[in-house]
Amino acid sequence: MKGITELWRAGEAPAWDGLFRADGSARAVEVDSAALSWFELGAPLDFEMWLAENPETLTSIDIHPQGLAEIPDGSGYVCCGDGSHGSEGFFARLDRDKNPVWVVSLGDSNPFVRATVEGSMATFTNNLGNSITVDLADPDFA
């Protein structure tokens, strides 16, 4: 069974709104579209079951040129970009070797074009200038 790490190495991510962790856990994600005026983590997802039932529901991923930022404490990076379709976007936390720790995939966010980090706060901005900020110290995003 492919996990998020194997998908990432293949340049793919789930084409499904969710937070997908390298440890195999996953959670639903809700967002109000490309306006990004709210962002919430939802219930746990069974990523392995979903992927087994929907193996074709993947999107290619491409990190935007301004979408890679080093985390100040030296623990790794955050990055962002787009998927196969114009409405898709993703953002992720990577370890020092640029392997995914977690990936958030969103079908209606528009592409994310800039990632920045200040302290423990990471901000991901889409091509419309709207942003999502997450706390990298929060257990969900650590």
C-alpha atoms as a PDB file:
ATOM      1  CA  MET A   1       0.000   0.000   0.000  1.00  0.00           C
ATOM      2  CA  LYS A   2       1.344   3.412  -0.948  1.00  0.00           C
ATOM      3  CA  GLY A   3       1.517   5.989   1.827  1.00  0.00           C
ATOM      4  CA  ILE A   4       1.930   9.733   1.489  1.00  0.00           C
ATOM      5  CA  THR A   5       5.735   9.390   1.406  1.00  0.00           C
ATOM      6  CA  GLU A   6       5.633   7.047  -1.593  1.00  0.00           C
ATOM      7  CA  LEU A   7       3.081   9.230  -3.352  1.00  0.00           C
ATOM      8  CA  TRP A   8       5.243  12.322  -2.695  1.00  0.00           C
ATOM      9  CA  ARG A   9       8.312  10.636  -4.173  1.00  0.00           C
ATOM     10  CA  ALA A  10       6.223   9.842  -7.261  1.00  0.00           C
ATOM     11  CA  GLY A  11       5.149  13.503  -7.507  1.00  0.00           C
ATOM     12  CA  GLU A  12       1.578  12.757  -6.436  1.00  0.00           C
ATOM     13  CA  ALA A  13      -0.862  13.524  -3.636  1.00  0.00           C
ATOM     14  CA  PRO A  14      -4.455  12.537  -2.907  1.00  0.00           C
ATOM     15  CA  ALA A  15      -7.007  14.549  -4.877  1.00  0.00           C
ATOM     16  CA  TRP A  16      -9.090  14.727  -1.740  1.00  0.00           C
ATOM     17  CA  ASP A  17      -9.297  17.426   0.946  1.00  0.00           C
ATOM     18  CA  GLY A  18      -7.239  16.149   3.826  1.00  0.00           C
ATOM     19  CA  LEU A  19      -4.198  16.227   6.051  1.00  0.00           C
ATOM     20  CA  PHE A  20      -2.062  13.184   5.272  1.00  0.00           C
ATOM     21  CA  ARG A  21       0.795  12.321   7.643  1.00  0.00           C
ATOM     22  CA  ALA A  22       3.873  10.214   6.978  1.00  0.00           C
ATOM     23  CA  ASP A  23       2.937   8.031   9.967  1.00  0.00           C
ATOM     24  CA  GLY A  24      -0.137   6.870   7.999  1.00  0.00           C
ATOM     25  CA  SER A  25      -2.732   8.894   9.894  1.00  0.00           C
ATOM     26  CA  ALA A  26      -5.034  11.302   8.091  1.00  0.00           C
ATOM     27  CA  ARG A  27      -7.790  13.810   8.842  1.00  0.00           C
ATOM     28  CA  ALA A  28     -10.461  15.445   6.745  1.00  0.00           C
ATOM     29  CA  VAL A  29      -9.930  19.141   6.028  1.00  0.00           C
ATOM     30  CA  GLU A  30     -12.598  21.721   5.387  1.00  0.00           C
ATOM     31  CA  VAL A  31     -12.024  25.047   3.682  1.00  0.00           C
ATOM     32  CA  ASP A  32     -14.453  27.528   2.148  1.00  0.00           C
ATOM     33  CA  SER A  33     -12.889  27.555  -1.338  1.00  0.00           C
ATOM     34  CA  ALA A  34     -10.138  29.759  -2.718  1.00  0.00           C
ATOM     35  CA  ALA A  35     -11.247  32.593  -0.387  1.00  0.00           C
ATOM     36  CA  LEU A  36      -9.547  30.642   2.431  1.00  0.00           C
ATOM     37  CA  SER A  37     -11.471  32.620   5.053  1.00  0.00           C
ATOM     38  CA  TRP A  38     -11.639  29.524   7.254  1.00  0.00           C
ATOM     39  CA  PHE A  39      -9.733  26.265   7.534  1.00  0.00           C
ATOM     40  CA  GLU A  40     -10.630  23.409   9.870  1.00  0.00           C
ATOM     41  CA  LEU A  41      -9.366  19.927  10.571  1.00  0.00           C
ATOM     42  CA  GLY A  42     -12.141  17.359  10.671  1.00  0.00           C
ATOM     43  CA  ALA A  43     -12.547  13.726  11.610  1.00  0.00           C
ATOM     44  CA  PRO A  44      -9.862  11.079  11.178  1.00  0.00           C
ATOM     45  CA  LEU A  45      -9.754   9.360   7.792  1.00  0.00           C
ATOM     46  CA  ASP A  46      -8.780   5.822   6.924  1.00  0.00           C
ATOM     47  CA  PHE A  47      -6.288   6.795   4.241  1.00  0.00           C
ATOM     48  CA  GLU A  48      -5.285   3.223   3.363  1.00  0.00           C
ATOM     49  CA  MET A  49      -8.897   2.169   2.819  1.00  0.00           C
ATOM     50  CA  TRP A  50      -9.664   5.296   0.800  1.00  0.00           C
ATOM     51  CA  LEU A  51      -6.608   4.809  -1.394  1.00  0.00           C
ATOM     52  CA  ALA A  52      -7.394   1.104  -1.895  1.00  0.00           C
ATOM     53  CA  GLU A  53     -10.935   2.005  -3.010  1.00  0.00           C
ATOM     54  CA  ASN A  54      -9.889   5.058  -5.069  1.00  0.00           C
ATOM     55  CA  PRO A  55      -6.406   4.363  -6.492  1.00  0.00           C
ATOM     56  CA  GLU A  56      -7.006   6.658  -9.476  1.00  0.00           C
ATOM     57  CA  THR A  57      -8.013   9.654  -7.326  1.00  0.00           C
ATOM     58  CA  LEU A  58      -4.573  11.207  -7.228  1.00  0.00           C
ATOM     59  CA  THR A  59      -3.188  14.473  -8.520  1.00  0.00           C
ATOM     60  CA  SER A  60       0.302  15.407  -9.614  1.00  0.00           C
ATOM     61  CA  ILE A  61       2.028  18.003  -7.458  1.00  0.00           C
ATOM     62  CA  ASP A  62       4.409  20.774  -8.356  1.00  0.00           C
ATOM     63  CA  ILE A  63       6.170  22.986  -5.800  1.00  0.00           C
ATOM     64  CA  HIS A  64       5.918  26.654  -6.741  1.00  0.00           C
ATOM     65  CA  PRO A  65       9.284  28.509  -7.144  1.00  0.00           C
ATOM     66  CA  GLN A  66       8.422  30.756  -4.154  1.00  0.00           C
ATOM     67  CA  GLY A  67       6.801  27.875  -2.322  1.00  0.00           C
ATOM     68  CA  LEU A  68       9.728  26.532  -0.311  1.00  0.00           C
ATOM     69  CA  ALA A  69      10.812  28.038   3.025  1.00  0.00           C
ATOM     70  CA  GLU A  70      13.214  26.761   5.659  1.00  0.00           C
ATOM     71  CA  ILE A  71      11.857  26.386   9.197  1.00  0.00           C
ATOM     72  CA  PRO A  72      13.974  28.675  11.440  1.00  0.00           C
ATOM     73  CA  ASP A  73      14.746  25.976  14.037  1.00  0.00           C
ATOM     74  CA  GLY A  74      16.477  23.896  11.331  1.00  0.00           C
ATOM     75  CA  SER A  75      13.993  21.005  11.570  1.00  0.00           C
ATOM     76  CA  GLY A  76      13.148  21.101   7.886  1.00  0.00           C
ATOM     77  CA  TYR A  77      11.025  23.041   5.413  1.00  0.00           C
ATOM     78  CA  VAL A  78       7.509  23.966   4.444  1.00  0.00           C
ATOM     79  CA  CYS A  79       6.435  24.064   0.828  1.00  0.00           C
ATOM     80  CA  CYS A  80       3.385  24.628  -1.320  1.00  0.00           C
ATOM     81  CA  GLY A  81       2.193  24.448  -4.895  1.00  0.00           C
ATOM     82  CA  ASP A  82      -0.495  23.134  -7.177  1.00  0.00           C
ATOM     83  CA  GLY A  83      -1.996  19.947  -8.538  1.00  0.00           C
ATOM     84  CA  SER A  84      -3.097  18.681 -11.939  1.00  0.00           C
ATOM     85  CA  HIS A  85      -6.180  20.903 -12.136  1.00  0.00           C
ATOM     86  CA  GLY A  86      -6.347  24.693 -11.815  1.00  0.00           C
ATOM     87  CA  SER A  87      -8.408  24.640  -8.636  1.00  0.00           C
ATOM     88  CA  GLU A  88      -6.086  22.354  -6.649  1.00  0.00           C
ATOM     89  CA  GLY A  89      -3.435  23.361  -4.165  1.00  0.00           C
ATOM     90  CA  PHE A  90      -1.329  21.772  -1.455  1.00  0.00           C
ATOM     91  CA  PHE A  91       1.009  22.708   1.346  1.00  0.00           C
ATOM     92  CA  ALA A  92       3.341  20.488   3.316  1.00  0.00           C
ATOM     93  CA  ARG A  93       5.937  20.181   6.022  1.00  0.00           C
ATOM     94  CA  LEU A  94       9.156  18.407   5.043  1.00  0.00           C
ATOM     95  CA  ASP A  95      11.966  17.029   7.169  1.00  0.00           C
ATOM     96  CA  ARG A  96      15.627  18.034   6.701  1.00  0.00           C
ATOM     97  CA  ASP A  97      15.946  15.570   3.808  1.00  0.00           C
ATOM     98  CA  LYS A  98      12.801  17.010   2.155  1.00  0.00           C
ATOM     99  CA  ASN A  99      10.666  13.953   2.881  1.00  0.00           C
ATOM    100  CA  PRO A 100       7.066  14.766   3.825  1.00  0.00           C
ATOM    101  CA  VAL A 101       6.075  14.912   7.478  1.00  0.00           C
ATOM    102  CA  TRP A 102       2.542  15.844   6.411  1.00  0.00           C
ATOM    103  CA  VAL A 103       0.739  17.102   3.314  1.00  0.00           C
ATOM    104  CA  VAL A 104      -2.509  19.084   3.153  1.00  0.00           C
ATOM    105  CA  SER A 105      -4.243  18.613  -0.189  1.00  0.00           C
ATOM    106  CA  LEU A 106      -7.153  20.877  -1.167  1.00  0.00           C
ATOM    107  CA  GLY A 107      -9.311  20.581  -4.269  1.00  0.00           C
ATOM    108  CA  ASP A 108     -10.772  24.091  -4.277  1.00  0.00           C
ATOM    109  CA  SER A 109      -8.077  26.293  -2.757  1.00  0.00           C
ATOM    110  CA  ASN A 110      -6.405  27.387  -5.999  1.00  0.00           C
ATOM    111  CA  PRO A 111      -2.646  26.909  -6.295  1.00  0.00           C
ATOM    112  CA  PHE A 112      -0.501  28.000  -3.372  1.00  0.00           C
ATOM    113  CA  VAL A 113       2.324  30.203  -4.641  1.00  0.00           C
ATOM    114  CA  ARG A 114       4.205  31.360  -1.521  1.00  0.00           C
ATOM    115  CA  ALA A 115       5.282  29.799   1.768  1.00  0.00           C
ATOM    116  CA  THR A 116       6.732  31.809   4.663  1.00  0.00           C
ATOM    117  CA  VAL A 117       7.660  30.949   8.238  1.00  0.00           C
ATOM    118  CA  GLU A 118       7.931  33.300  11.208  1.00  0.00           C
ATOM    119  CA  GLY A 119       8.757  31.545  14.457  1.00  0.00           C
ATOM    120  CA  SER A 120       6.469  28.532  14.552  1.00  0.00           C
ATOM    121  CA  MET A 121       3.830  30.060  12.265  1.00  0.00           C
ATOM    122  CA  ALA A 122       3.795  28.949   8.618  1.00  0.00           C
ATOM    123  CA  THR A 123       1.714  30.867   6.100  1.00  0.00           C
ATOM    124  CA  PHE A 124       0.718  29.539   2.688  1.00  0.00           C
ATOM    125  CA  THR A 125      -0.663  32.049   0.177  1.00  0.00           C
ATOM    126  CA  ASN A 126      -2.645  31.141  -2.927  1.00  0.00           C
ATOM    127  CA  ASN A 127      -2.577  32.835  -6.336  1.00  0.00           C
ATOM    128  CA  LEU A 128      -5.455  35.110  -5.275  1.00  0.00           C
ATOM    129  CA  GLY A 129      -3.502  36.495  -2.308  1.00  0.00           C
ATOM    130  CA  ASN A 130      -5.508  34.538   0.296  1.00  0.00           C
ATOM    131  CA  SER A 131      -3.674  32.650   3.031  1.00  0.00           C
ATOM    132  CA  ILE A 132      -3.840  29.806   5.522  1.00  0.00           C
ATOM    133  CA  THR A 133      -1.590  29.986   8.579  1.00  0.00           C
ATOM    134  CA  VAL A 134      -0.784  26.962  10.729  1.00  0.00           C
ATOM    135  CA  ASP A 135       1.233  26.662  13.937  1.00  0.00           C
ATOM    136  CA  LEU A 136       4.067  24.200  13.365  1.00  0.00           C
ATOM    137  CA  ALA A 137       4.169  23.646  17.147  1.00  0.00           C
ATOM    138  CA  ASP A 138       0.562  22.374  17.129  1.00  0.00           C
ATOM    139  CA  PRO A 139       0.580  18.553  17.419  1.00  0.00           C
ATOM    140  CA  ASP A 140      -1.387  18.246  14.155  1.00  0.00           C
ATOM    141  CA  PHE A 141       1.291  20.185  12.270  1.00  0.00           C
ATOM    142  CA  ALA A 142       4.430  19.278  14.258  1.00  0.00           C
END
